[in-house]
Amino acid sequence: MADAIRQSVTLNAPDAWVEGIRSAEFKTLIDAKQRTIVPMLVVFIVGYMGLSVLAGFGRGLLGTKVLGPINLGFVLIGGNYLMSWLIAVVYARISASAHDPLVKLVVDKANGSRS
């Protein structure tokens, strides 16, 4: 996919990309990406900021022992790392299956308008 984009950038006139950005396919791609990214961003910000707020105001709660010397704060910090990786993996899979075909349509349309 990257090779197709790289090749089309070197072969297409700038006008083709302007037309491509205005196309319905490009708007569909942007809408699909926003429907994916915005909920993931909200989940990440709530999780990250929630932990920060708890660290500042809920010290007693985060200090609760869960397993031996491990307290709830450590568990939630680990959960934040896992959440970040999970969001990244889910986004990569969604992008590969849903966004990449739309990118190909936009690139193909730009290549077609060049001819």
PDB file of N, CA and C in Angstrom:
ATOM      1  N   MET A   1       0.837  -1.188   0.000  1.00  0.00           N
ATOM      2  CA  MET A   1       0.000   0.000   0.000  1.00  0.00           C
ATOM      3  C   MET A   1       0.880   1.249   0.000  1.00  0.00           C
ATOM      4  N   ALA A   2       1.936   1.248   0.799  1.00  0.00           N
ATOM      5  CA  ALA A   2       2.804   2.418   0.865  1.00  0.00           C
ATOM      6  C   ALA A   2       3.494   2.663  -0.468  1.00  0.00           C
ATOM      7  N   ASP A   3       3.869   1.582  -1.169  1.00  0.00           N
ATOM      8  CA  ASP A   3       4.510   1.741  -2.471  1.00  0.00           C
ATOM      9  C   ASP A   3       3.563   2.383  -3.478  1.00  0.00           C
ATOM     10  N   ALA A   4       2.284   1.984  -3.446  1.00  0.00           N
ATOM     11  CA  ALA A   4       1.301   2.569  -4.360  1.00  0.00           C
ATOM     12  C   ALA A   4       1.136   4.055  -4.090  1.00  0.00           C
ATOM     13  N   ILE A   5       1.106   4.423  -2.835  1.00  0.00           N
ATOM     14  CA  ILE A   5       0.956   5.834  -2.487  1.00  0.00           C
ATOM     15  C   ILE A   5       2.207   6.610  -2.883  1.00  0.00           C
ATOM     16  N   ARG A   6       3.385   6.040  -2.594  1.00  0.00           N
ATOM     17  CA  ARG A   6       4.632   6.705  -2.927  1.00  0.00           C
ATOM     18  C   ARG A   6       4.742   6.902  -4.433  1.00  0.00           C
ATOM     19  N   GLN A   7       4.392   5.872  -5.196  1.00  0.00           N
ATOM     20  CA  GLN A   7       4.468   5.948  -6.642  1.00  0.00           C
ATOM     21  C   GLN A   7       3.484   6.980  -7.183  1.00  0.00           C
ATOM     22  N   SER A   8       2.285   6.993  -6.656  1.00  0.00           N
ATOM     23  CA  SER A   8       1.283   7.924  -7.154  1.00  0.00           C
ATOM     24  C   SER A   8       1.642   9.361  -6.818  1.00  0.00           C
ATOM     25  N   VAL A   9       2.342   9.575  -5.712  1.00  0.00           N
ATOM     26  CA  VAL A   9       2.754  10.933  -5.362  1.00  0.00           C
ATOM     27  C   VAL A   9       3.733  11.462  -6.392  1.00  0.00           C
ATOM     28  N   THR A  10       4.623  10.614  -6.859  1.00  0.00           N
ATOM     29  CA  THR A  10       5.626  11.063  -7.818  1.00  0.00           C
ATOM     30  C   THR A  10       5.050  11.184  -9.227  1.00  0.00           C
ATOM     31  N   LEU A  11       4.009  10.421  -9.562  1.00  0.00           N
ATOM     32  CA  LEU A  11       3.475  10.416 -10.913  1.00  0.00           C
ATOM     33  C   LEU A  11       2.325  11.396 -11.128  1.00  0.00           C
ATOM     34  N   ASN A  12       1.593  11.741 -10.101  1.00  0.00           N
ATOM     35  CA  ASN A  12       0.395  12.554 -10.258  1.00  0.00           C
ATOM     36  C   ASN A  12       0.702  14.033 -10.168  1.00  0.00           C
ATOM     37  N   ALA A  13      -0.095  14.780 -10.906  1.00  0.00           N
ATOM     38  CA  ALA A  13      -0.017  16.234 -10.811  1.00  0.00           C
ATOM     39  C   ALA A  13      -0.683  16.666  -9.510  1.00  0.00           C
ATOM     40  N   PRO A  14      -0.276  17.787  -8.944  1.00  0.00           N
ATOM     41  CA  PRO A  14      -0.911  18.251  -7.703  1.00  0.00           C
ATOM     42  C   PRO A  14      -2.422  18.435  -7.833  1.00  0.00           C
ATOM     43  N   ASP A  15      -2.896  18.782  -9.031  1.00  0.00           N
ATOM     44  CA  ASP A  15      -4.334  18.963  -9.233  1.00  0.00           C
ATOM     45  C   ASP A  15      -5.107  17.682  -8.979  1.00  0.00           C
ATOM     46  N   ALA A  16      -4.515  16.547  -9.302  1.00  0.00           N
ATOM     47  CA  ALA A  16      -5.194  15.268  -9.080  1.00  0.00           C
ATOM     48  C   ALA A  16      -5.429  15.049  -7.598  1.00  0.00           C
ATOM     49  N   TRP A  17      -4.484  15.472  -6.761  1.00  0.00           N
ATOM     50  CA  TRP A  17      -4.660  15.289  -5.316  1.00  0.00           C
ATOM     51  C   TRP A  17      -5.685  16.263  -4.757  1.00  0.00           C
ATOM     52  N   VAL A  18      -5.743  17.453  -5.316  1.00  0.00           N
ATOM     53  CA  VAL A  18      -6.766  18.408  -4.877  1.00  0.00           C
ATOM     54  C   VAL A  18      -8.146  17.841  -5.212  1.00  0.00           C
ATOM     55  N   GLU A  19      -8.283  17.307  -6.423  1.00  0.00           N
ATOM     56  CA  GLU A  19      -9.546  16.674  -6.805  1.00  0.00           C
ATOM     57  C   GLU A  19      -9.828  15.465  -5.917  1.00  0.00           C
ATOM     58  N   GLY A  20      -8.781  14.716  -5.586  1.00  0.00           N
ATOM     59  CA  GLY A  20      -8.945  13.546  -4.724  1.00  0.00           C
ATOM     60  C   GLY A  20      -9.437  13.909  -3.338  1.00  0.00           C
ATOM     61  N   ILE A  21      -8.941  15.000  -2.807  1.00  0.00           N
ATOM     62  CA  ILE A  21      -9.366  15.447  -1.477  1.00  0.00           C
ATOM     63  C   ILE A  21     -10.823  15.889  -1.488  1.00  0.00           C
ATOM     64  N   ARG A  22     -11.256  16.413  -2.597  1.00  0.00           N
ATOM     65  CA  ARG A  22     -12.650  16.858  -2.708  1.00  0.00           C
ATOM     66  C   ARG A  22     -13.606  15.728  -3.071  1.00  0.00           C
ATOM     67  N   SER A  23     -13.084  14.559  -3.353  1.00  0.00           N
ATOM     68  CA  SER A  23     -13.928  13.455  -3.823  1.00  0.00           C
ATOM     69  C   SER A  23     -14.764  12.847  -2.697  1.00  0.00           C
ATOM     70  N   ALA A  24     -15.821  12.171  -3.092  1.00  0.00           N
ATOM     71  CA  ALA A  24     -16.698  11.495  -2.130  1.00  0.00           C
ATOM     72  C   ALA A  24     -15.960  10.348  -1.444  1.00  0.00           C
ATOM     73  N   GLU A  25     -15.057   9.691  -2.177  1.00  0.00           N
ATOM     74  CA  GLU A  25     -14.300   8.579  -1.592  1.00  0.00           C
ATOM     75  C   GLU A  25     -13.418   9.065  -0.451  1.00  0.00           C
ATOM     76  N   PHE A  26     -12.781  10.218  -0.635  1.00  0.00           N
ATOM     77  CA  PHE A  26     -11.920  10.768   0.411  1.00  0.00           C
ATOM     78  C   PHE A  26     -12.738  11.170   1.630  1.00  0.00           C
ATOM     79  N   LYS A  27     -13.901  11.772   1.393  1.00  0.00           N
ATOM     80  CA  LYS A  27     -14.774  12.151   2.506  1.00  0.00           C
ATOM     81  C   LYS A  27     -15.262  10.905   3.258  1.00  0.00           C
ATOM     82  N   THR A  28     -15.519   9.830   2.513  1.00  0.00           N
ATOM     83  CA  THR A  28     -15.903   8.567   3.151  1.00  0.00           C
ATOM     84  C   THR A  28     -14.760   8.031   3.997  1.00  0.00           C
ATOM     85  N   LEU A  29     -13.539   8.119   3.489  1.00  0.00           N
ATOM     86  CA  LEU A  29     -12.358   7.674   4.245  1.00  0.00           C
ATOM     87  C   LEU A  29     -12.206   8.473   5.533  1.00  0.00           C
ATOM     88  N   ILE A  30     -12.313   9.784   5.448  1.00  0.00           N
ATOM     89  CA  ILE A  30     -12.166  10.625   6.636  1.00  0.00           C
ATOM     90  C   ILE A  30     -13.262  10.315   7.647  1.00  0.00           C
ATOM     91  N   ASP A  31     -14.496  10.148   7.177  1.00  0.00           N
ATOM     92  CA  ASP A  31     -15.602   9.813   8.087  1.00  0.00           C
ATOM     93  C   ASP A  31     -15.363   8.483   8.779  1.00  0.00           C
ATOM     94  N   ALA A  32     -14.890   7.487   8.025  1.00  0.00           N
ATOM     95  CA  ALA A  32     -14.619   6.168   8.609  1.00  0.00           C
ATOM     96  C   ALA A  32     -13.515   6.259   9.657  1.00  0.00           C
ATOM     97  N   LYS A  33     -12.477   7.010   9.354  1.00  0.00           N
ATOM     98  CA  LYS A  33     -11.384   7.160  10.319  1.00  0.00           C
ATOM     99  C   LYS A  33     -11.861   7.886  11.581  1.00  0.00           C
ATOM    100  N   GLN A  34     -12.709   8.907  11.412  1.00  0.00           N
ATOM    101  CA  GLN A  34     -13.213   9.626  12.581  1.00  0.00           C
ATOM    102  C   GLN A  34     -14.106   8.735  13.436  1.00  0.00           C
ATOM    103  N   ARG A  35     -14.922   7.891  12.791  1.00  0.00           N
ATOM    104  CA  ARG A  35     -15.780   6.981  13.558  1.00  0.00           C
ATOM    105  C   ARG A  35     -14.946   5.979  14.345  1.00  0.00           C
ATOM    106  N   THR A  36     -13.732   5.724  13.917  1.00  0.00           N
ATOM    107  CA  THR A  36     -12.850   4.811  14.626  1.00  0.00           C
ATOM    108  C   THR A  36     -12.029   5.540  15.685  1.00  0.00           C
ATOM    109  N   ILE A  37     -11.442   6.646  15.304  1.00  0.00           N
ATOM    110  CA  ILE A  37     -10.468   7.325  16.161  1.00  0.00           C
ATOM    111  C   ILE A  37     -11.122   8.038  17.341  1.00  0.00           C
ATOM    112  N   VAL A  38     -12.240   8.715  17.119  1.00  0.00           N
ATOM    113  CA  VAL A  38     -12.848   9.527  18.180  1.00  0.00           C
ATOM    114  C   VAL A  38     -13.234   8.675  19.399  1.00  0.00           C
ATOM    115  N   PRO A  39     -13.941   7.536  19.232  1.00  0.00           N
ATOM    116  CA  PRO A  39     -14.253   6.742  20.428  1.00  0.00           C
ATOM    117  C   PRO A  39     -13.003   6.207  21.128  1.00  0.00           C
ATOM    118  N   MET A  40     -12.001   5.811  20.347  1.00  0.00           N
ATOM    119  CA  MET A  40     -10.763   5.326  20.958  1.00  0.00           C
ATOM    120  C   MET A  40     -10.055   6.437  21.714  1.00  0.00           C
ATOM    121  N   LEU A  41     -10.075   7.635  21.169  1.00  0.00           N
ATOM    122  CA  LEU A  41      -9.460   8.779  21.838  1.00  0.00           C
ATOM    123  C   LEU A  41     -10.178   9.097  23.140  1.00  0.00           C
ATOM    124  N   VAL A  42     -11.498   9.043  23.120  1.00  0.00           N
ATOM    125  CA  VAL A  42     -12.278   9.308  24.334  1.00  0.00           C
ATOM    126  C   VAL A  42     -11.943   8.275  25.414  1.00  0.00           C
ATOM    127  N   VAL A  43     -11.903   6.990  25.030  1.00  0.00           N
ATOM    128  CA  VAL A  43     -11.567   5.932  26.001  1.00  0.00           C
ATOM    129  C   VAL A  43     -10.178   6.173  26.584  1.00  0.00           C
ATOM    130  N   PHE A  44      -9.209   6.509  25.728  1.00  0.00           N
ATOM    131  CA  PHE A  44      -7.845   6.729  26.198  1.00  0.00           C
ATOM    132  C   PHE A  44      -7.779   7.923  27.142  1.00  0.00           C
ATOM    133  N   ILE A  45      -8.390   9.039  26.765  1.00  0.00           N
ATOM    134  CA  ILE A  45      -8.313  10.246  27.597  1.00  0.00           C
ATOM    135  C   ILE A  45      -9.002  10.026  28.943  1.00  0.00           C
ATOM    136  N   VAL A  46     -10.172   9.377  28.930  1.00  0.00           N
ATOM    137  CA  VAL A  46     -10.868   9.108  30.189  1.00  0.00           C
ATOM    138  C   VAL A  46     -10.012   8.206  31.085  1.00  0.00           C
ATOM    139  N   GLY A  47      -9.424   7.168  30.493  1.00  0.00           N
ATOM    140  CA  GLY A  47      -8.577   6.266  31.281  1.00  0.00           C
ATOM    141  C   GLY A  47      -7.340   6.952  31.823  1.00  0.00           C
ATOM    142  N   TYR A  48      -6.659   7.698  30.968  1.00  0.00           N
ATOM    143  CA  TYR A  48      -5.417   8.350  31.367  1.00  0.00           C
ATOM    144  C   TYR A  48      -5.678   9.472  32.371  1.00  0.00           C
ATOM    145  N   MET A  49      -6.633  10.339  32.045  1.00  0.00           N
ATOM    146  CA  MET A  49      -6.922  11.450  32.951  1.00  0.00           C
ATOM    147  C   MET A  49      -7.592  10.957  34.232  1.00  0.00           C
ATOM    148  N   GLY A  50      -8.402   9.912  34.114  1.00  0.00           N
ATOM    149  CA  GLY A  50      -9.022   9.344  35.307  1.00  0.00           C
ATOM    150  C   GLY A  50      -7.982   8.847  36.294  1.00  0.00           C
ATOM    151  N   LEU A  51      -6.960   8.182  35.782  1.00  0.00           N
ATOM    152  CA  LEU A  51      -5.890   7.709  36.658  1.00  0.00           C
ATOM    153  C   LEU A  51      -5.122   8.883  37.264  1.00  0.00           C
ATOM    154  N   SER A  52      -4.890   9.920  36.469  1.00  0.00           N
ATOM    155  CA  SER A  52      -4.191  11.104  36.984  1.00  0.00           C
ATOM    156  C   SER A  52      -4.994  11.786  38.083  1.00  0.00           C
ATOM    157  N   VAL A  53      -6.304  11.906  37.886  1.00  0.00           N
ATOM    158  CA  VAL A  53      -7.163  12.520  38.899  1.00  0.00           C
ATOM    159  C   VAL A  53      -7.174  11.661  40.154  1.00  0.00           C
ATOM    160  N   LEU A  54      -7.278  10.342  39.977  1.00  0.00           N
ATOM    161  CA  LEU A  54      -7.243   9.450  41.145  1.00  0.00           C
ATOM    162  C   LEU A  54      -5.913   9.546  41.883  1.00  0.00           C
ATOM    163  N   ALA A  55      -4.826   9.692  41.128  1.00  0.00           N
ATOM    164  CA  ALA A  55      -3.521   9.812  41.771  1.00  0.00           C
ATOM    165  C   ALA A  55      -3.441  11.082  42.617  1.00  0.00           C
ATOM    166  N   GLY A  56      -4.126  12.124  42.158  1.00  0.00           N
ATOM    167  CA  GLY A  56      -4.092  13.381  42.909  1.00  0.00           C
ATOM    168  C   GLY A  56      -5.077  13.430  44.054  1.00  0.00           C
ATOM    169  N   PHE A  57      -6.270  12.879  43.853  1.00  0.00           N
ATOM    170  CA  PHE A  57      -7.327  13.043  44.840  1.00  0.00           C
ATOM    171  C   PHE A  57      -7.745  11.752  45.538  1.00  0.00           C
ATOM    172  N   GLY A  58      -7.351  10.624  45.016  1.00  0.00           N
ATOM    173  CA  GLY A  58      -7.790   9.362  45.605  1.00  0.00           C
ATOM    174  C   GLY A  58      -6.642   8.512  46.088  1.00  0.00           C
ATOM    175  N   ARG A  59      -5.728   9.134  46.786  1.00  0.00           N
ATOM    176  CA  ARG A  59      -4.542   8.401  47.250  1.00  0.00           C
ATOM    177  C   ARG A  59      -4.907   7.227  48.147  1.00  0.00           C
ATOM    178  N   GLY A  60      -5.888   7.420  48.980  1.00  0.00           N
ATOM    179  CA  GLY A  60      -6.300   6.330  49.862  1.00  0.00           C
ATOM    180  C   GLY A  60      -6.832   5.152  49.070  1.00  0.00           C
ATOM    181  N   LEU A  61      -7.611   5.435  48.036  1.00  0.00           N
ATOM    182  CA  LEU A  61      -8.165   4.374  47.194  1.00  0.00           C
ATOM    183  C   LEU A  61      -7.066   3.670  46.403  1.00  0.00           C
ATOM    184  N   LEU A  62      -6.159   4.432  45.827  1.00  0.00           N
ATOM    185  CA  LEU A  62      -5.075   3.822  45.049  1.00  0.00           C
ATOM    186  C   LEU A  62      -4.079   3.081  45.936  1.00  0.00           C
ATOM    187  N   GLY A  63      -4.030   3.414  47.201  1.00  0.00           N
ATOM    188  CA  GLY A  63      -3.135   2.732  48.130  1.00  0.00           C
ATOM    189  C   GLY A  63      -3.684   1.420  48.650  1.00  0.00           C
ATOM    190  N   THR A  64      -4.899   1.080  48.291  1.00  0.00           N
ATOM    191  CA  THR A  64      -5.514  -0.169  48.746  1.00  0.00           C
ATOM    192  C   THR A  64      -4.721  -1.361  48.231  1.00  0.00           C
ATOM    193  N   LYS A  65      -4.318  -2.229  49.134  1.00  0.00           N
ATOM    194  CA  LYS A  65      -3.549  -3.416  48.757  1.00  0.00           C
ATOM    195  C   LYS A  65      -4.441  -4.402  48.003  1.00  0.00           C
ATOM    196  N   VAL A  66      -3.939  -4.902  46.891  1.00  0.00           N
ATOM    197  CA  VAL A  66      -4.693  -5.850  46.074  1.00  0.00           C
ATOM    198  C   VAL A  66      -4.133  -7.253  46.240  1.00  0.00           C
ATOM    199  N   LEU A  67      -2.812  -7.362  46.110  1.00  0.00           N
ATOM    200  CA  LEU A  67      -2.158  -8.664  46.207  1.00  0.00           C
ATOM    201  C   LEU A  67      -0.772  -8.457  46.811  1.00  0.00           C
ATOM    202  N   GLY A  68      -0.623  -8.802  48.048  1.00  0.00           N
ATOM    203  CA  GLY A  68       0.660  -8.611  48.732  1.00  0.00           C
ATOM    204  C   GLY A  68       1.039  -7.148  48.736  1.00  0.00           C
ATOM    205  N   PRO A  69       2.248  -6.820  48.257  1.00  0.00           N
ATOM    206  CA  PRO A  69       2.674  -5.421  48.257  1.00  0.00           C
ATOM    207  C   PRO A  69       2.107  -4.617  47.087  1.00  0.00           C
ATOM    208  N   ILE A  70       1.386  -5.248  46.187  1.00  0.00           N
ATOM    209  CA  ILE A  70       0.857  -4.569  45.005  1.00  0.00           C
ATOM    210  C   ILE A  70      -0.447  -3.862  45.374  1.00  0.00           C
ATOM    211  N   ASN A  71      -0.481  -2.557  45.116  1.00  0.00           N
ATOM    212  CA  ASN A  71      -1.689  -1.800  45.441  1.00  0.00           C
ATOM    213  C   ASN A  71      -2.489  -1.492  44.167  1.00  0.00           C
ATOM    214  N   LEU A  72      -3.667  -0.924  44.349  1.00  0.00           N
ATOM    215  CA  LEU A  72      -4.573  -0.650  43.237  1.00  0.00           C
ATOM    216  C   LEU A  72      -3.964   0.326  42.237  1.00  0.00           C
ATOM    217  N   GLY A  73      -3.149   1.242  42.708  1.00  0.00           N
ATOM    218  CA  GLY A  73      -2.486   2.195  41.811  1.00  0.00           C
ATOM    219  C   GLY A  73      -1.621   1.490  40.782  1.00  0.00           C
ATOM    220  N   PHE A  74      -0.813   0.509  41.230  1.00  0.00           N
ATOM    221  CA  PHE A  74       0.025  -0.248  40.289  1.00  0.00           C
ATOM    222  C   PHE A  74      -0.822  -1.024  39.296  1.00  0.00           C
ATOM    223  N   VAL A  75      -1.922  -1.585  39.770  1.00  0.00           N
ATOM    224  CA  VAL A  75      -2.802  -2.346  38.885  1.00  0.00           C
ATOM    225  C   VAL A  75      -3.397  -1.431  37.813  1.00  0.00           C
ATOM    226  N   LEU A  76      -3.846  -0.240  38.218  1.00  0.00           N
ATOM    227  CA  LEU A  76      -4.430   0.687  37.254  1.00  0.00           C
ATOM    228  C   LEU A  76      -3.389   1.236  36.282  1.00  0.00           C
ATOM    229  N   ILE A  77      -2.166   1.449  36.744  1.00  0.00           N
ATOM    230  CA  ILE A  77      -1.095   1.882  35.842  1.00  0.00           C
ATOM    231  C   ILE A  77      -0.822   0.791  34.807  1.00  0.00           C
ATOM    232  N   GLY A  78      -0.744  -0.441  35.262  1.00  0.00           N
ATOM    233  CA  GLY A  78      -0.578  -1.551  34.323  1.00  0.00           C
ATOM    234  C   GLY A  78      -1.751  -1.650  33.358  1.00  0.00           C
ATOM    235  N   GLY A  79      -2.956  -1.403  33.880  1.00  0.00           N
ATOM    236  CA  GLY A  79      -4.142  -1.406  33.028  1.00  0.00           C
ATOM    237  C   GLY A  79      -4.089  -0.311  31.970  1.00  0.00           C
ATOM    238  N   ASN A  80      -3.526   0.838  32.327  1.00  0.00           N
ATOM    239  CA  ASN A  80      -3.369   1.915  31.353  1.00  0.00           C
ATOM    240  C   ASN A  80      -2.441   1.510  30.217  1.00  0.00           C
ATOM    241  N   TYR A  81      -1.326   0.848  30.558  1.00  0.00           N
ATOM    242  CA  TYR A  81      -0.422   0.366  29.515  1.00  0.00           C
ATOM    243  C   TYR A  81      -1.114  -0.660  28.634  1.00  0.00           C
ATOM    244  N   LEU A  82      -1.825  -1.579  29.248  1.00  0.00           N
ATOM    245  CA  LEU A  82      -2.544  -2.584  28.464  1.00  0.00           C
ATOM    246  C   LEU A  82      -3.619  -1.939  27.582  1.00  0.00           C
ATOM    247  N   MET A  83      -4.327  -0.967  28.118  1.00  0.00           N
ATOM    248  CA  MET A  83      -5.351  -0.268  27.343  1.00  0.00           C
ATOM    249  C   MET A  83      -4.726   0.410  26.120  1.00  0.00           C
ATOM    250  N   SER A  84      -3.579   1.046  26.295  1.00  0.00           N
ATOM    251  CA  SER A  84      -2.907   1.717  25.180  1.00  0.00           C
ATOM    252  C   SER A  84      -2.528   0.726  24.091  1.00  0.00           C
ATOM    253  N   TRP A  85      -1.947  -0.397  24.486  1.00  0.00           N
ATOM    254  CA  TRP A  85      -1.570  -1.416  23.507  1.00  0.00           C
ATOM    255  C   TRP A  85      -2.797  -2.012  22.835  1.00  0.00           C
ATOM    256  N   LEU A  86      -3.843  -2.246  23.599  1.00  0.00           N
ATOM    257  CA  LEU A  86      -5.065  -2.811  23.036  1.00  0.00           C
ATOM    258  C   LEU A  86      -5.693  -1.851  22.025  1.00  0.00           C
ATOM    259  N   ILE A  87      -5.746  -0.581  22.350  1.00  0.00           N
ATOM    260  CA  ILE A  87      -6.283   0.408  21.419  1.00  0.00           C
ATOM    261  C   ILE A  87      -5.437   0.439  20.141  1.00  0.00           C
ATOM    262  N   ALA A  88      -4.124   0.379  20.276  1.00  0.00           N
ATOM    263  CA  ALA A  88      -3.246   0.390  19.100  1.00  0.00           C
ATOM    264  C   ALA A  88      -3.481  -0.829  18.217  1.00  0.00           C
ATOM    265  N   VAL A  89      -3.589  -1.995  18.820  1.00  0.00           N
ATOM    266  CA  VAL A  89      -3.804  -3.227  18.045  1.00  0.00           C
ATOM    267  C   VAL A  89      -5.172  -3.206  17.368  1.00  0.00           C
ATOM    268  N   VAL A  90      -6.192  -2.785  18.093  1.00  0.00           N
ATOM    269  CA  VAL A  90      -7.542  -2.720  17.513  1.00  0.00           C
ATOM    270  C   VAL A  90      -7.562  -1.720  16.364  1.00  0.00           C
ATOM    271  N   TYR A  91      -6.925  -0.569  16.537  1.00  0.00           N
ATOM    272  CA  TYR A  91      -6.893   0.417  15.461  1.00  0.00           C
ATOM    273  C   TYR A  91      -6.161  -0.132  14.238  1.00  0.00           C
ATOM    274  N   ALA A  92      -5.041  -0.804  14.450  1.00  0.00           N
ATOM    275  CA  ALA A  92      -4.290  -1.356  13.325  1.00  0.00           C
ATOM    276  C   ALA A  92      -5.132  -2.366  12.550  1.00  0.00           C
ATOM    277  N   ARG A  93      -5.865  -3.191  13.253  1.00  0.00           N
ATOM    278  CA  ARG A  93      -6.713  -4.184  12.578  1.00  0.00           C
ATOM    279  C   ARG A  93      -7.860  -3.521  11.829  1.00  0.00           C
ATOM    280  N   ILE A  94      -8.507  -2.548  12.463  1.00  0.00           N
ATOM    281  CA  ILE A  94      -9.602  -1.848  11.798  1.00  0.00           C
ATOM    282  C   ILE A  94      -9.072  -1.085  10.582  1.00  0.00           C
ATOM    283  N   SER A  95      -7.926  -0.461  10.740  1.00  0.00           N
ATOM    284  CA  SER A  95      -7.342   0.296   9.645  1.00  0.00           C
ATOM    285  C   SER A  95      -7.004  -0.612   8.466  1.00  0.00           C
ATOM    286  N   ALA A  96      -6.432  -1.774   8.759  1.00  0.00           N
ATOM    287  CA  ALA A  96      -6.064  -2.697   7.684  1.00  0.00           C
ATOM    288  C   ALA A  96      -7.287  -3.228   6.955  1.00  0.00           C
ATOM    289  N   SER A  97      -8.365  -3.473   7.682  1.00  0.00           N
ATOM    290  CA  SER A  97      -9.528  -4.079   7.043  1.00  0.00           C
ATOM    291  C   SER A  97     -10.505  -3.061   6.468  1.00  0.00           C
ATOM    292  N   ALA A  98     -10.642  -1.894   7.072  1.00  0.00           N
ATOM    293  CA  ALA A  98     -11.654  -0.941   6.636  1.00  0.00           C
ATOM    294  C   ALA A  98     -11.071   0.302   5.968  1.00  0.00           C
ATOM    295  N   HIS A  99      -9.959   0.823   6.475  1.00  0.00           N
ATOM    296  CA  HIS A  99      -9.434   2.072   5.945  1.00  0.00           C
ATOM    297  C   HIS A  99      -8.554   1.882   4.723  1.00  0.00           C
ATOM    298  N   ASP A 100      -7.731   0.843   4.714  1.00  0.00           N
ATOM    299  CA  ASP A 100      -6.829   0.635   3.590  1.00  0.00           C
ATOM    300  C   ASP A 100      -7.555   0.465   2.258  1.00  0.00           C
ATOM    301  N   PRO A 101      -8.676  -0.276   2.205  1.00  0.00           N
ATOM    302  CA  PRO A 101      -9.396  -0.335   0.921  1.00  0.00           C
ATOM    303  C   PRO A 101      -9.918   1.037   0.475  1.00  0.00           C
ATOM    304  N   LEU A 102     -10.316   1.866   1.422  1.00  0.00           N
ATOM    305  CA  LEU A 102     -10.765   3.215   1.068  1.00  0.00           C
ATOM    306  C   LEU A 102      -9.600   4.072   0.578  1.00  0.00           C
ATOM    307  N   VAL A 103      -8.427   3.907   1.191  1.00  0.00           N
ATOM    308  CA  VAL A 103      -7.232   4.620   0.730  1.00  0.00           C
ATOM    309  C   VAL A 103      -6.914   4.194  -0.701  1.00  0.00           C
ATOM    310  N   LYS A 104      -7.020   2.906  -0.978  1.00  0.00           N
ATOM    311  CA  LYS A 104      -6.758   2.401  -2.324  1.00  0.00           C
ATOM    312  C   LYS A 104      -7.724   3.024  -3.332  1.00  0.00           C
ATOM    313  N   LEU A 105      -9.003   3.170  -2.958  1.00  0.00           N
ATOM    314  CA  LEU A 105      -9.969   3.817  -3.859  1.00  0.00           C
ATOM    315  C   LEU A 105      -9.572   5.260  -4.159  1.00  0.00           C
ATOM    316  N   VAL A 106      -9.148   5.981  -3.128  1.00  0.00           N
ATOM    317  CA  VAL A 106      -8.746   7.378  -3.324  1.00  0.00           C
ATOM    318  C   VAL A 106      -7.518   7.452  -4.228  1.00  0.00           C
ATOM    319  N   VAL A 107      -6.541   6.594  -3.989  1.00  0.00           N
ATOM    320  CA  VAL A 107      -5.323   6.585  -4.800  1.00  0.00           C
ATOM    321  C   VAL A 107      -5.640   6.181  -6.234  1.00  0.00           C
ATOM    322  N   ASP A 108      -6.475   5.153  -6.406  1.00  0.00           N
ATOM    323  CA  ASP A 108      -6.844   4.717  -7.753  1.00  0.00           C
ATOM    324  C   ASP A 108      -7.582   5.825  -8.509  1.00  0.00           C
ATOM    325  N   LYS A 109      -8.461   6.533  -7.813  1.00  0.00           N
ATOM    326  CA  LYS A 109      -9.176   7.629  -8.450  1.00  0.00           C
ATOM    327  C   LYS A 109      -8.203   8.733  -8.865  1.00  0.00           C
ATOM    328  N   ALA A 110      -7.227   9.018  -8.007  1.00  0.00           N
ATOM    329  CA  ALA A 110      -6.226  10.034  -8.354  1.00  0.00           C
ATOM    330  C   ALA A 110      -5.392   9.567  -9.547  1.00  0.00           C
ATOM    331  N   ASN A 111      -5.053   8.287  -9.596  1.00  0.00           N
ATOM    332  CA  ASN A 111      -4.317   7.749 -10.737  1.00  0.00           C
ATOM    333  C   ASN A 111      -5.173   7.784 -11.995  1.00  0.00           C
ATOM    334  N   GLY A 112      -6.471   7.526 -11.845  1.00  0.00           N
ATOM    335  CA  GLY A 112      -7.369   7.549 -12.995  1.00  0.00           C
ATOM    336  C   GLY A 112      -7.566   8.931 -13.556  1.00  0.00           C
ATOM    337  N   SER A 113      -7.585   9.935 -12.699  1.00  0.00           N
ATOM    338  CA  SER A 113      -7.774  11.303 -13.185  1.00  0.00           C
ATOM    339  C   SER A 113      -6.523  11.825 -13.865  1.00  0.00           C
ATOM    340  N   ARG A 114      -5.395  11.204 -13.603  1.00  0.00           N
ATOM    341  CA  ARG A 114      -4.130  11.604 -14.228  1.00  0.00           C
ATOM    342  C   ARG A 114      -4.104  11.185 -15.680  1.00  0.00           C
ATOM    343  N   SER A 115      -4.732  10.054 -15.978  1.00  0.00           N
ATOM    344  CA  SER A 115      -4.676   9.500 -17.333  1.00  0.00           C
ATOM    345  C   SER A 115      -5.479  10.317 -18.317  1.00  0.00           C
TER     346      SER A 115
END
